[in-house]
């Protein structure tokens, strides 16, 4: 049966309604090119042979925490230093800074896609989380890249039940999940559309991401100590 409906802007549209069950459709070979636009880079790097470096960093950070009161920003409990880790972190801190600059250089390009020469400026602070401590969702205004280096994962890498994961929110917001919460995109990473992704810290891991990407830290449930260094890289 053919059904005519009024058209918009002086045209006429024809809709065809099938009156019987559709016939079996033959297989159609469809060539599909899946493109992902507006990607959000999150780099996970590992510093090799970092045990000695981490031991020295842990000693320095815990001594600082005992001697200086922490500051309150996004942290829910725990201890966070002021943004002057570069002034008291010593030689181990410089190793972390050098690694962060090198990683940022690899991840940064100009608008033509060519490597960009950037003289990165940085600030950094240390974080010490114990049982129940975490960080609210936040961003790092005034920076291009943000990074986290994990000095001591507090046992999280070996036991996921300890929590303390680094959590990033979908920068598109919740809209992709609002209309049909049980559906997702059939592509790598598509299952977290409108929600969040978790990254489990590991001692020696250097994590880098755009500073505007909303992120937080889930409460740590272990009996040890979770120690990290946060960094901003800006022009």
Protein backbone atom coordinates (compact mmCIF):
# COMPACT_ATOMS: atom_id res chain seq x y z
CA UNK A 1 0.00 0.00 0.00
CA UNK A 2 1.29 3.42 -0.92
CA UNK A 3 0.69 6.20 1.59
CA UNK A 4 1.03 9.83 0.55
CA UNK A 5 1.73 12.42 3.20
CA UNK A 6 1.83 16.21 3.01
CA UNK A 7 5.28 17.48 2.13
CA UNK A 8 7.36 20.25 3.61
CA UNK A 9 8.48 23.25 1.53
CA UNK A 10 6.21 22.36 -1.40
CA UNK A 11 7.55 18.84 -2.05
CA UNK A 12 5.89 15.45 -1.73
CA UNK A 13 7.29 12.40 0.04
CA UNK A 14 6.26 8.79 -0.69
CA UNK A 15 6.30 6.18 2.02
CA UNK A 16 5.75 2.49 1.21
CA UNK A 17 4.27 0.19 3.83
CA UNK A 18 4.76 -3.52 3.35
CA UNK A 19 1.54 -5.52 3.78
CA UNK A 20 3.19 -8.95 4.09
CA UNK A 21 6.10 -10.43 5.95
CA UNK A 22 9.35 -9.34 4.35
CA UNK A 23 11.16 -11.90 2.27
CA UNK A 24 14.47 -13.28 3.46
CA UNK A 25 17.03 -10.61 2.73
CA UNK A 26 20.12 -11.71 0.86
CA UNK A 27 23.50 -11.14 2.48
CA UNK A 28 24.94 -7.82 1.40
CA UNK A 29 28.67 -7.17 1.42
CA UNK A 30 28.97 -3.69 2.90
CA UNK A 31 32.36 -2.01 3.15
CA UNK A 32 32.52 0.09 6.32
CA UNK A 33 35.22 2.52 7.32
CA UNK A 34 34.94 3.35 11.01
CA UNK A 35 36.41 6.73 11.89
CA UNK A 36 36.93 8.06 15.40
CA UNK A 37 36.85 11.83 15.57
CA UNK A 38 37.89 14.03 18.50
CA UNK A 39 40.07 11.43 20.25
CA UNK A 40 41.16 11.99 23.84
CA UNK A 41 44.76 10.84 24.37
CA UNK A 42 45.65 9.11 27.64
CA UNK A 43 49.23 7.84 27.74
CA UNK A 44 50.34 5.13 30.14
CA UNK A 45 54.13 4.87 30.40
CA UNK A 46 56.34 2.85 32.73
CA UNK A 47 59.72 3.95 34.04
CA UNK A 48 62.05 0.97 33.86
CA UNK A 49 63.98 -0.11 36.95
CA UNK A 50 62.18 2.46 39.11
CA UNK A 51 62.39 0.63 42.45
CA UNK A 52 65.37 2.60 43.79
CA UNK A 53 63.92 5.87 42.49
CA UNK A 54 60.58 5.16 44.14
CA UNK A 55 62.19 4.25 47.46
CA UNK A 56 64.01 7.60 47.56
CA UNK A 57 60.90 9.50 46.49
CA UNK A 58 58.81 7.76 49.16
CA UNK A 59 61.30 8.62 51.89
CA UNK A 60 61.45 12.27 50.79
CA UNK A 61 57.66 12.65 50.48
CA UNK A 62 56.82 11.00 53.80
CA UNK A 63 59.43 13.15 55.59
CA UNK A 64 57.84 16.23 54.04
CA UNK A 65 54.37 15.09 55.08
CA UNK A 66 55.48 14.67 58.69
CA UNK A 67 57.04 18.14 58.81
CA UNK A 68 54.53 20.24 56.83
CA UNK A 69 50.74 20.50 56.95
CA UNK A 70 48.99 19.58 53.74
CA UNK A 71 46.71 21.70 51.57
CA UNK A 72 43.10 21.11 50.59
CA UNK A 73 42.07 21.11 46.93
CA UNK A 74 40.36 18.10 45.35
CA UNK A 75 41.66 15.68 47.98
CA UNK A 76 39.23 13.96 50.30
CA UNK A 77 41.44 13.29 53.26
CA UNK A 78 45.05 12.28 52.90
CA UNK A 79 47.97 14.68 52.56
CA UNK A 80 48.71 16.89 49.57
CA UNK A 81 51.75 19.12 49.41
CA UNK A 82 51.87 22.64 48.10
CA UNK A 83 52.75 23.06 44.42
CA UNK A 84 56.50 23.33 45.02
CA UNK A 85 57.62 19.71 44.75
CA UNK A 86 60.33 20.85 42.32
CA UNK A 87 61.94 22.83 45.16
CA UNK A 88 62.24 19.99 47.70
CA UNK A 89 61.99 16.79 45.64
CA UNK A 90 65.70 16.78 44.83
CA UNK A 91 67.34 14.68 42.13
CA UNK A 92 64.57 12.04 42.05
CA UNK A 93 62.03 14.74 41.24
CA UNK A 94 64.16 15.92 38.32
CA UNK A 95 64.08 12.39 36.88
CA UNK A 96 60.28 12.45 36.95
CA UNK A 97 60.20 15.91 35.37
CA UNK A 98 62.55 14.84 32.58
CA UNK A 99 60.41 11.77 31.86
CA UNK A 100 57.23 13.88 31.79
CA UNK A 101 58.75 16.42 29.41
CA UNK A 102 59.96 13.67 27.09
CA UNK A 103 56.52 12.05 27.05
CA UNK A 104 54.79 15.39 26.44
CA UNK A 105 57.13 16.03 23.51
CA UNK A 106 56.10 12.71 21.95
CA UNK A 107 52.40 13.44 22.42
CA UNK A 108 52.35 17.04 21.18
CA UNK A 109 52.06 18.21 17.56
CA UNK A 110 51.20 21.39 15.71
CA UNK A 111 47.93 21.76 13.80
CA UNK A 112 49.53 20.23 10.72
CA UNK A 113 50.34 17.08 12.68
CA UNK A 114 54.07 17.77 12.82
CA UNK A 115 56.12 17.49 16.03
CA UNK A 116 55.98 20.73 17.99
CA UNK A 117 58.93 22.21 19.83
CA UNK A 118 57.69 23.33 23.23
CA UNK A 119 59.66 24.60 26.20
CA UNK A 120 57.52 23.08 28.92
CA UNK A 121 57.16 24.78 32.26
CA UNK A 122 56.00 22.63 35.14
CA UNK A 123 54.74 22.57 38.67
CA UNK A 124 54.12 19.51 40.78
CA UNK A 125 52.88 18.29 44.16
CA UNK A 126 52.93 15.06 46.14
CA UNK A 127 49.92 13.08 47.37
CA UNK A 128 49.74 10.58 50.21
CA UNK A 129 46.53 8.58 50.55
CA UNK A 130 45.72 6.12 53.29
CA UNK A 131 42.57 4.13 54.04
CA UNK A 132 39.45 5.97 52.88
CA UNK A 133 41.29 8.80 51.11
CA UNK A 134 40.60 9.83 47.51
CA UNK A 135 40.10 12.82 45.21
CA UNK A 136 36.95 14.45 43.88
CA UNK A 137 36.57 14.97 40.14
CA UNK A 138 38.50 17.99 38.95
CA UNK A 139 40.52 19.44 36.07
CA UNK A 140 43.82 21.34 35.89
CA UNK A 141 43.08 24.81 34.44
CA UNK A 142 46.00 26.72 32.96
CA UNK A 143 47.90 23.65 31.76
CA UNK A 144 48.11 21.74 28.46
CA UNK A 145 49.04 18.32 29.86
CA UNK A 146 48.55 16.89 33.34
CA UNK A 147 50.31 13.80 34.64
CA UNK A 148 50.50 11.46 37.60
CA UNK A 149 53.51 9.42 38.61
CA UNK A 150 52.93 6.54 41.01
CA UNK A 151 55.62 6.16 43.65
CA UNK A 152 53.80 3.47 45.67
CA UNK A 153 50.55 1.92 44.47
CA UNK A 154 49.69 0.73 47.99
CA UNK A 155 49.16 -2.82 46.75
CA UNK A 156 46.44 -1.82 44.27
CA UNK A 157 48.15 -3.38 41.28
CA UNK A 158 48.24 -6.78 42.97
CA UNK A 159 44.77 -6.55 44.55
CA UNK A 160 42.03 -4.66 42.63
CA UNK A 161 39.74 -4.92 45.68
CA UNK A 162 41.82 -2.18 47.33
CA UNK A 163 40.24 0.51 45.14
CA UNK A 164 42.20 3.72 44.67
CA UNK A 165 41.77 3.68 40.88
CA UNK A 166 42.39 6.75 38.74
CA UNK A 167 38.99 7.55 37.19
CA UNK A 168 38.40 9.66 34.08
CA UNK A 169 35.01 10.94 32.94
CA UNK A 170 33.73 10.94 29.36
CA UNK A 171 34.41 14.52 28.18
CA UNK A 172 31.18 14.38 26.14
CA UNK A 173 29.27 14.28 29.40
CA UNK A 174 26.45 11.91 30.27
CA UNK A 175 24.42 12.54 27.09
CA UNK A 176 25.62 9.38 25.25
CA UNK A 177 24.11 7.25 28.03
CA UNK A 178 20.92 9.16 28.80
CA UNK A 179 18.59 8.01 26.02
CA UNK A 180 19.45 4.30 26.08
CA UNK A 181 21.61 3.48 29.12
CA UNK A 182 21.90 -0.20 28.16
CA UNK A 183 23.32 0.53 24.69
CA UNK A 184 26.83 1.53 23.73
CA UNK A 185 29.00 2.00 20.64
CA UNK A 186 30.34 -1.15 18.98
CA UNK A 187 33.98 -0.07 18.93
CA UNK A 188 36.98 -0.12 21.25
CA UNK A 189 36.21 2.12 24.22
CA UNK A 190 32.58 2.52 23.19
CA UNK A 191 31.18 0.71 26.20
CA UNK A 192 32.04 3.58 28.57
CA UNK A 193 30.24 6.27 26.52
CA UNK A 194 28.62 8.73 28.90
CA UNK A 195 30.28 7.11 31.90
CA UNK A 196 33.89 6.70 33.07
CA UNK A 197 37.01 4.61 32.67
CA UNK A 198 39.25 3.30 35.44
CA UNK A 199 43.03 2.98 35.41
CA UNK A 200 44.61 0.95 38.20
CA UNK A 201 47.86 2.54 39.40
CA UNK A 202 51.13 0.66 39.43
CA UNK A 203 54.36 1.76 41.04
CA UNK A 204 56.59 3.27 38.34
CA UNK A 205 53.67 4.22 36.07
CA UNK A 206 53.59 7.68 34.49
CA UNK A 207 50.11 8.65 33.33
CA UNK A 208 49.60 11.69 31.06
CA UNK A 209 46.35 13.21 29.79
CA UNK A 210 44.89 16.56 28.64
CA UNK A 211 44.64 18.92 31.60
CA UNK A 212 40.97 19.64 30.81
CA UNK A 213 39.97 15.98 31.20
CA UNK A 214 37.88 15.55 34.33
CA UNK A 215 39.42 12.98 36.65
CA UNK A 216 39.43 11.81 40.23
CA UNK A 217 40.70 9.07 42.52
CA UNK A 218 38.42 6.45 44.05
CA UNK A 219 38.81 5.86 47.80
CA UNK A 220 41.77 3.70 48.75
CA UNK A 221 40.73 0.70 50.85
CA UNK A 222 44.12 -0.75 51.66
CA UNK A 223 46.09 -0.73 54.89
CA UNK A 224 49.25 0.61 53.24
CA UNK A 225 50.00 3.97 51.67
CA UNK A 226 49.28 5.17 48.13
CA UNK A 227 51.83 7.82 47.07
CA UNK A 228 51.82 9.77 43.82
CA UNK A 229 53.22 12.92 42.27
CA UNK A 230 50.91 15.12 40.19
CA UNK A 231 52.32 17.40 37.51
CA UNK A 232 51.15 20.22 35.26
CA UNK A 233 52.87 21.03 31.97
CA UNK A 234 52.16 24.48 30.56
CA UNK A 235 53.63 27.02 28.14
